[in-house]
């Protein structure tokens, strides 16, 4: 891969990771639904439990994309908080997903899951087979795609919200973007 392509891809991913929310939501109450999980789900639950408050996730390096991903037919993915510094490490760590996923309802953000993400070019350059995380096969999202990104592998893990379509399916019919309001962008600290 040439240097220009690498810089372009990194810039696109960094742009996604750098999109900041202005923080107008509060953490959800502790009594939200608990998913019973095994394997990868339990690992993700233990590793991300401390980020139920999005302010804690932000302080640890996950930054809001300030957008809520949804589908009219399939439900939603929610608001992704992406940790840019690990998008380029060339590997997956089950205890540190590249994105945390929140649902906003009644101005409260609830941690509902996580997503593992890596560019296909980066993974394929060093590996003969698609990535598998603790026994779970990732999904290849080709390019062009709705996100305007290069092809990438991803895996959603609905660790804190039950998904009737499956624990590792992209969209969750129990998640909604109805309560999400994008925050205005601020350029160089100016309102």
C-alpha atoms as a PDB file:
ATOM      1  CA  UNK A   1       0.000   0.000   0.000  1.00  0.00           C
ATOM      2  CA  UNK A   2       1.465   3.385  -0.930  1.00  0.00           C
ATOM      3  CA  UNK A   3       1.982   6.180   1.591  1.00  0.00           C
ATOM      4  CA  UNK A   4      -0.723   8.412   0.074  1.00  0.00           C
ATOM      5  CA  UNK A   5      -3.359   5.649   0.318  1.00  0.00           C
ATOM      6  CA  UNK A   6      -2.352   4.926   3.911  1.00  0.00           C
ATOM      7  CA  UNK A   7      -2.541   8.619   4.842  1.00  0.00           C
ATOM      8  CA  UNK A   8      -5.921   8.981   3.130  1.00  0.00           C
ATOM      9  CA  UNK A   9      -7.375   5.954   4.928  1.00  0.00           C
ATOM     10  CA  UNK A  10      -5.983   7.074   8.254  1.00  0.00           C
ATOM     11  CA  UNK A  11      -7.381  10.555   7.703  1.00  0.00           C
ATOM     12  CA  UNK A  12     -10.867   9.152   6.971  1.00  0.00           C
ATOM     13  CA  UNK A  13     -10.828   6.926  10.055  1.00  0.00           C
ATOM     14  CA  UNK A  14      -9.341   9.670  12.209  1.00  0.00           C
ATOM     15  CA  UNK A  15     -12.050  12.035  11.004  1.00  0.00           C
ATOM     16  CA  UNK A  16     -14.656   9.506  12.107  1.00  0.00           C
ATOM     17  CA  UNK A  17     -12.953   9.097  15.474  1.00  0.00           C
ATOM     18  CA  UNK A  18     -12.399  12.816  16.002  1.00  0.00           C
ATOM     19  CA  UNK A  19     -16.029  13.858  15.572  1.00  0.00           C
ATOM     20  CA  UNK A  20     -16.938  15.148  19.008  1.00  0.00           C
ATOM     21  CA  UNK A  21     -20.243  15.343  20.770  1.00  0.00           C
ATOM     22  CA  UNK A  22     -20.951  18.427  22.851  1.00  0.00           C
ATOM     23  CA  UNK A  23     -22.195  16.172  25.646  1.00  0.00           C
ATOM     24  CA  UNK A  24     -25.836  17.084  26.162  1.00  0.00           C
ATOM     25  CA  UNK A  25     -26.841  13.669  27.441  1.00  0.00           C
ATOM     26  CA  UNK A  26     -26.445  12.020  30.811  1.00  0.00           C
ATOM     27  CA  UNK A  27     -25.651   8.417  31.650  1.00  0.00           C
ATOM     28  CA  UNK A  28     -28.511   5.974  32.002  1.00  0.00           C
ATOM     29  CA  UNK A  29     -29.748   4.677  35.286  1.00  0.00           C
ATOM     30  CA  UNK A  30     -28.068   1.518  36.535  1.00  0.00           C
ATOM     31  CA  UNK A  31     -31.227  -0.592  36.206  1.00  0.00           C
ATOM     32  CA  UNK A  32     -31.103  -1.157  32.436  1.00  0.00           C
ATOM     33  CA  UNK A  33     -31.609  -4.565  30.831  1.00  0.00           C
ATOM     34  CA  UNK A  34     -28.798  -7.074  31.419  1.00  0.00           C
ATOM     35  CA  UNK A  35     -27.867  -9.483  28.639  1.00  0.00           C
ATOM     36  CA  UNK A  36     -26.735 -12.931  29.705  1.00  0.00           C
ATOM     37  CA  UNK A  37     -23.743 -13.797  27.603  1.00  0.00           C
ATOM     38  CA  UNK A  38     -20.937 -16.234  27.175  1.00  0.00           C
ATOM     39  CA  UNK A  39     -17.539 -16.019  25.509  1.00  0.00           C
ATOM     40  CA  UNK A  40     -17.061 -12.754  23.631  1.00  0.00           C
ATOM     41  CA  UNK A  41     -20.208 -11.184  25.129  1.00  0.00           C
ATOM     42  CA  UNK A  42     -18.933 -11.718  28.685  1.00  0.00           C
ATOM     43  CA  UNK A  43     -15.480 -10.396  27.783  1.00  0.00           C
ATOM     44  CA  UNK A  44     -17.028  -7.255  26.262  1.00  0.00           C
ATOM     45  CA  UNK A  45     -19.370  -6.804  29.249  1.00  0.00           C
ATOM     46  CA  UNK A  46     -16.506  -6.998  31.750  1.00  0.00           C
ATOM     47  CA  UNK A  47     -14.219  -4.764  29.687  1.00  0.00           C
ATOM     48  CA  UNK A  48     -16.748  -2.020  28.932  1.00  0.00           C
ATOM     49  CA  UNK A  49     -18.993  -1.989  32.022  1.00  0.00           C
ATOM     50  CA  UNK A  50     -17.031   0.986  33.382  1.00  0.00           C
ATOM     51  CA  UNK A  51     -18.060   3.047  30.324  1.00  0.00           C
ATOM     52  CA  UNK A  52     -21.805   3.071  30.969  1.00  0.00           C
ATOM     53  CA  UNK A  53     -21.388   6.822  31.425  1.00  0.00           C
ATOM     54  CA  UNK A  54     -20.361   8.247  28.019  1.00  0.00           C
ATOM     55  CA  UNK A  55     -18.251  10.882  29.818  1.00  0.00           C
ATOM     56  CA  UNK A  56     -16.056   8.048  31.140  1.00  0.00           C
ATOM     57  CA  UNK A  57     -15.738   6.641  27.612  1.00  0.00           C
ATOM     58  CA  UNK A  58     -14.819  10.082  26.289  1.00  0.00           C
ATOM     59  CA  UNK A  59     -12.183  10.534  29.013  1.00  0.00           C
ATOM     60  CA  UNK A  60     -10.672   7.153  28.064  1.00  0.00           C
ATOM     61  CA  UNK A  61     -10.345   8.117  24.370  1.00  0.00           C
ATOM     62  CA  UNK A  62     -13.619   7.026  22.753  1.00  0.00           C
ATOM     63  CA  UNK A  63     -15.087  10.026  20.904  1.00  0.00           C
ATOM     64  CA  UNK A  64     -18.663  10.395  19.727  1.00  0.00           C
ATOM     65  CA  UNK A  65     -19.304  10.338  15.985  1.00  0.00           C
ATOM     66  CA  UNK A  66     -22.234  12.707  16.720  1.00  0.00           C
ATOM     67  CA  UNK A  67     -24.490  10.589  14.497  1.00  0.00           C
ATOM     68  CA  UNK A  68     -26.949   7.777  15.096  1.00  0.00           C
ATOM     69  CA  UNK A  69     -26.967   4.913  12.576  1.00  0.00           C
ATOM     70  CA  UNK A  70     -30.391   3.448  11.822  1.00  0.00           C
ATOM     71  CA  UNK A  71     -32.360   1.518   9.224  1.00  0.00           C
ATOM     72  CA  UNK A  72     -36.062   1.977   8.512  1.00  0.00           C
ATOM     73  CA  UNK A  73     -36.487  -1.793   8.266  1.00  0.00           C
ATOM     74  CA  UNK A  74     -33.970  -3.257  10.707  1.00  0.00           C
ATOM     75  CA  UNK A  75     -33.761  -1.019  13.781  1.00  0.00           C
ATOM     76  CA  UNK A  76     -30.620   0.886  14.692  1.00  0.00           C
ATOM     77  CA  UNK A  77     -26.974   0.552  15.586  1.00  0.00           C
ATOM     78  CA  UNK A  78     -27.015   3.632  17.807  1.00  0.00           C
ATOM     79  CA  UNK A  79     -24.393   6.313  18.462  1.00  0.00           C
ATOM     80  CA  UNK A  80     -20.820   5.066  18.078  1.00  0.00           C
ATOM     81  CA  UNK A  81     -17.992   6.356  20.246  1.00  0.00           C
ATOM     82  CA  UNK A  82     -14.780   5.449  18.368  1.00  0.00           C
ATOM     83  CA  UNK A  83     -11.277   5.121  19.809  1.00  0.00           C
ATOM     84  CA  UNK A  84      -9.082   6.402  16.978  1.00  0.00           C
ATOM     85  CA  UNK A  85      -5.727   5.350  18.400  1.00  0.00           C
ATOM     86  CA  UNK A  86      -6.584   1.629  18.185  1.00  0.00           C
ATOM     87  CA  UNK A  87      -8.163   1.686  14.717  1.00  0.00           C
ATOM     88  CA  UNK A  88      -4.659   1.453  13.241  1.00  0.00           C
ATOM     89  CA  UNK A  89      -2.968  -1.079  15.492  1.00  0.00           C
ATOM     90  CA  UNK A  90      -3.574  -3.903  12.971  1.00  0.00           C
ATOM     91  CA  UNK A  91      -5.285  -6.238  15.423  1.00  0.00           C
ATOM     92  CA  UNK A  92      -8.364  -6.836  17.510  1.00  0.00           C
ATOM     93  CA  UNK A  93      -8.322  -6.887  21.300  1.00  0.00           C
ATOM     94  CA  UNK A  94     -11.528  -8.433  22.721  1.00  0.00           C
ATOM     95  CA  UNK A  95     -11.072  -6.300  25.848  1.00  0.00           C
ATOM     96  CA  UNK A  96     -10.839  -3.015  23.939  1.00  0.00           C
ATOM     97  CA  UNK A  97     -13.317  -2.654  21.067  1.00  0.00           C
ATOM     98  CA  UNK A  98     -12.750   0.109  18.543  1.00  0.00           C
ATOM     99  CA  UNK A  99     -16.247   1.503  19.214  1.00  0.00           C
ATOM    100  CA  UNK A 100     -18.719   1.643  22.085  1.00  0.00           C
ATOM    101  CA  UNK A 101     -22.397   1.930  21.113  1.00  0.00           C
ATOM    102  CA  UNK A 102     -24.948   4.054  22.980  1.00  0.00           C
ATOM    103  CA  UNK A 103     -28.685   4.568  22.579  1.00  0.00           C
ATOM    104  CA  UNK A 104     -30.052   7.963  23.570  1.00  0.00           C
ATOM    105  CA  UNK A 105     -33.556   8.103  25.027  1.00  0.00           C
ATOM    106  CA  UNK A 106     -35.017  10.811  27.255  1.00  0.00           C
ATOM    107  CA  UNK A 107     -31.672  12.667  26.989  1.00  0.00           C
ATOM    108  CA  UNK A 108     -29.907   9.723  28.615  1.00  0.00           C
ATOM    109  CA  UNK A 109     -27.240   7.665  26.879  1.00  0.00           C
ATOM    110  CA  UNK A 110     -27.317   3.929  27.546  1.00  0.00           C
ATOM    111  CA  UNK A 111     -24.403   1.655  26.665  1.00  0.00           C
ATOM    112  CA  UNK A 112     -25.932  -1.103  24.529  1.00  0.00           C
ATOM    113  CA  UNK A 113     -22.961  -2.738  22.837  1.00  0.00           C
ATOM    114  CA  UNK A 114     -19.594  -2.496  21.141  1.00  0.00           C
ATOM    115  CA  UNK A 115     -18.134  -2.837  17.682  1.00  0.00           C
ATOM    116  CA  UNK A 116     -14.805  -4.155  16.485  1.00  0.00           C
ATOM    117  CA  UNK A 117     -13.525  -2.483  13.282  1.00  0.00           C
ATOM    118  CA  UNK A 118     -10.430  -2.733  11.058  1.00  0.00           C
ATOM    119  CA  UNK A 119      -9.802  -1.796   7.432  1.00  0.00           C
ATOM    120  CA  UNK A 120      -9.743  -4.811   5.132  1.00  0.00           C
ATOM    121  CA  UNK A 121      -6.540  -3.634   3.442  1.00  0.00           C
ATOM    122  CA  UNK A 122      -4.772  -3.389   6.791  1.00  0.00           C
ATOM    123  CA  UNK A 123      -5.969  -6.816   7.956  1.00  0.00           C
ATOM    124  CA  UNK A 124      -5.504  -8.596   4.626  1.00  0.00           C
ATOM    125  CA  UNK A 125      -1.931  -7.292   4.262  1.00  0.00           C
ATOM    126  CA  UNK A 126      -0.854  -9.424   7.238  1.00  0.00           C
ATOM    127  CA  UNK A 127      -3.425 -12.245   7.399  1.00  0.00           C
ATOM    128  CA  UNK A 128      -4.576 -14.976   5.012  1.00  0.00           C
ATOM    129  CA  UNK A 129      -8.108 -15.345   6.410  1.00  0.00           C
ATOM    130  CA  UNK A 130     -10.777 -12.883   7.591  1.00  0.00           C
ATOM    131  CA  UNK A 131     -10.573 -12.003  11.300  1.00  0.00           C
ATOM    132  CA  UNK A 132     -12.269 -14.088  13.982  1.00  0.00           C
ATOM    133  CA  UNK A 133     -12.672 -12.682  17.508  1.00  0.00           C
ATOM    134  CA  UNK A 134     -12.984 -15.309  20.252  1.00  0.00           C
ATOM    135  CA  UNK A 135     -14.702 -17.678  17.835  1.00  0.00           C
ATOM    136  CA  UNK A 136     -16.959 -15.065  16.198  1.00  0.00           C
ATOM    137  CA  UNK A 137     -16.497 -14.422  12.472  1.00  0.00           C
ATOM    138  CA  UNK A 138     -16.343 -10.753  11.478  1.00  0.00           C
ATOM    139  CA  UNK A 139     -18.318  -9.263   8.579  1.00  0.00           C
ATOM    140  CA  UNK A 140     -16.742  -7.677   5.510  1.00  0.00           C
ATOM    141  CA  UNK A 141     -18.288  -4.352   4.516  1.00  0.00           C
ATOM    142  CA  UNK A 142     -17.179  -3.666   0.953  1.00  0.00           C
ATOM    143  CA  UNK A 143     -16.569  -0.336  -0.676  1.00  0.00           C
ATOM    144  CA  UNK A 144     -18.386   1.740  -1.726  1.00  0.00           C
ATOM    145  CA  UNK A 145     -20.594   1.665   1.370  1.00  0.00           C
ATOM    146  CA  UNK A 146     -23.079   3.932   3.120  1.00  0.00           C
ATOM    147  CA  UNK A 147     -20.316   5.281   5.366  1.00  0.00           C
ATOM    148  CA  UNK A 148     -18.035   6.383   2.496  1.00  0.00           C
ATOM    149  CA  UNK A 149     -15.177   4.349   3.963  1.00  0.00           C
ATOM    150  CA  UNK A 150     -12.757   1.880   2.417  1.00  0.00           C
ATOM    151  CA  UNK A 151     -13.692  -1.804   2.811  1.00  0.00           C
ATOM    152  CA  UNK A 152     -13.529  -2.926   6.431  1.00  0.00           C
ATOM    153  CA  UNK A 153     -14.186  -5.886   8.714  1.00  0.00           C
ATOM    154  CA  UNK A 154     -16.531  -5.350  11.641  1.00  0.00           C
ATOM    155  CA  UNK A 155     -18.403  -7.186  14.351  1.00  0.00           C
ATOM    156  CA  UNK A 156     -21.151  -5.767  16.558  1.00  0.00           C
ATOM    157  CA  UNK A 157     -21.585  -7.263  20.026  1.00  0.00           C
ATOM    158  CA  UNK A 158     -24.908  -6.471  21.710  1.00  0.00           C
ATOM    159  CA  UNK A 159     -23.517  -6.912  25.221  1.00  0.00           C
ATOM    160  CA  UNK A 160     -26.047  -4.766  27.096  1.00  0.00           C
ATOM    161  CA  UNK A 161     -29.186  -4.890  24.916  1.00  0.00           C
ATOM    162  CA  UNK A 162     -30.850  -8.075  23.768  1.00  0.00           C
ATOM    163  CA  UNK A 163     -31.141  -8.397  19.982  1.00  0.00           C
ATOM    164  CA  UNK A 164     -33.860 -10.762  18.757  1.00  0.00           C
ATOM    165  CA  UNK A 165     -32.054 -10.992  15.399  1.00  0.00           C
ATOM    166  CA  UNK A 166     -28.833 -12.222  17.034  1.00  0.00           C
ATOM    167  CA  UNK A 167     -26.090 -11.084  19.376  1.00  0.00           C
ATOM    168  CA  UNK A 168     -23.659 -10.244  16.538  1.00  0.00           C
ATOM    169  CA  UNK A 169     -26.072  -8.799  13.941  1.00  0.00           C
ATOM    170  CA  UNK A 170     -25.382  -5.204  12.852  1.00  0.00           C
ATOM    171  CA  UNK A 171     -28.825  -3.675  13.468  1.00  0.00           C
ATOM    172  CA  UNK A 172     -30.911  -4.169  16.599  1.00  0.00           C
ATOM    173  CA  UNK A 173     -34.711  -3.727  16.392  1.00  0.00           C
ATOM    174  CA  UNK A 174     -34.745  -2.908  20.134  1.00  0.00           C
ATOM    175  CA  UNK A 175     -32.486   0.134  19.557  1.00  0.00           C
ATOM    176  CA  UNK A 176     -33.768   3.444  18.197  1.00  0.00           C
ATOM    177  CA  UNK A 177     -32.350   6.768  17.065  1.00  0.00           C
ATOM    178  CA  UNK A 178     -35.602   8.579  17.935  1.00  0.00           C
ATOM    179  CA  UNK A 179     -34.132  10.260  21.032  1.00  0.00           C
ATOM    180  CA  UNK A 180     -30.844  11.303  19.441  1.00  0.00           C
ATOM    181  CA  UNK A 181     -30.187  14.933  18.584  1.00  0.00           C
ATOM    182  CA  UNK A 182     -26.944  15.773  16.791  1.00  0.00           C
ATOM    183  CA  UNK A 183     -24.941  18.461  18.528  1.00  0.00           C
ATOM    184  CA  UNK A 184     -23.833  21.524  16.577  1.00  0.00           C
ATOM    185  CA  UNK A 185     -20.234  21.401  15.436  1.00  0.00           C
ATOM    186  CA  UNK A 186     -17.804  23.852  16.927  1.00  0.00           C
ATOM    187  CA  UNK A 187     -14.791  24.942  14.930  1.00  0.00           C
ATOM    188  CA  UNK A 188     -11.696  25.836  16.951  1.00  0.00           C
ATOM    189  CA  UNK A 189     -13.763  26.412  20.069  1.00  0.00           C
ATOM    190  CA  UNK A 190     -16.146  28.869  18.413  1.00  0.00           C
ATOM    191  CA  UNK A 191     -19.896  28.375  18.917  1.00  0.00           C
END
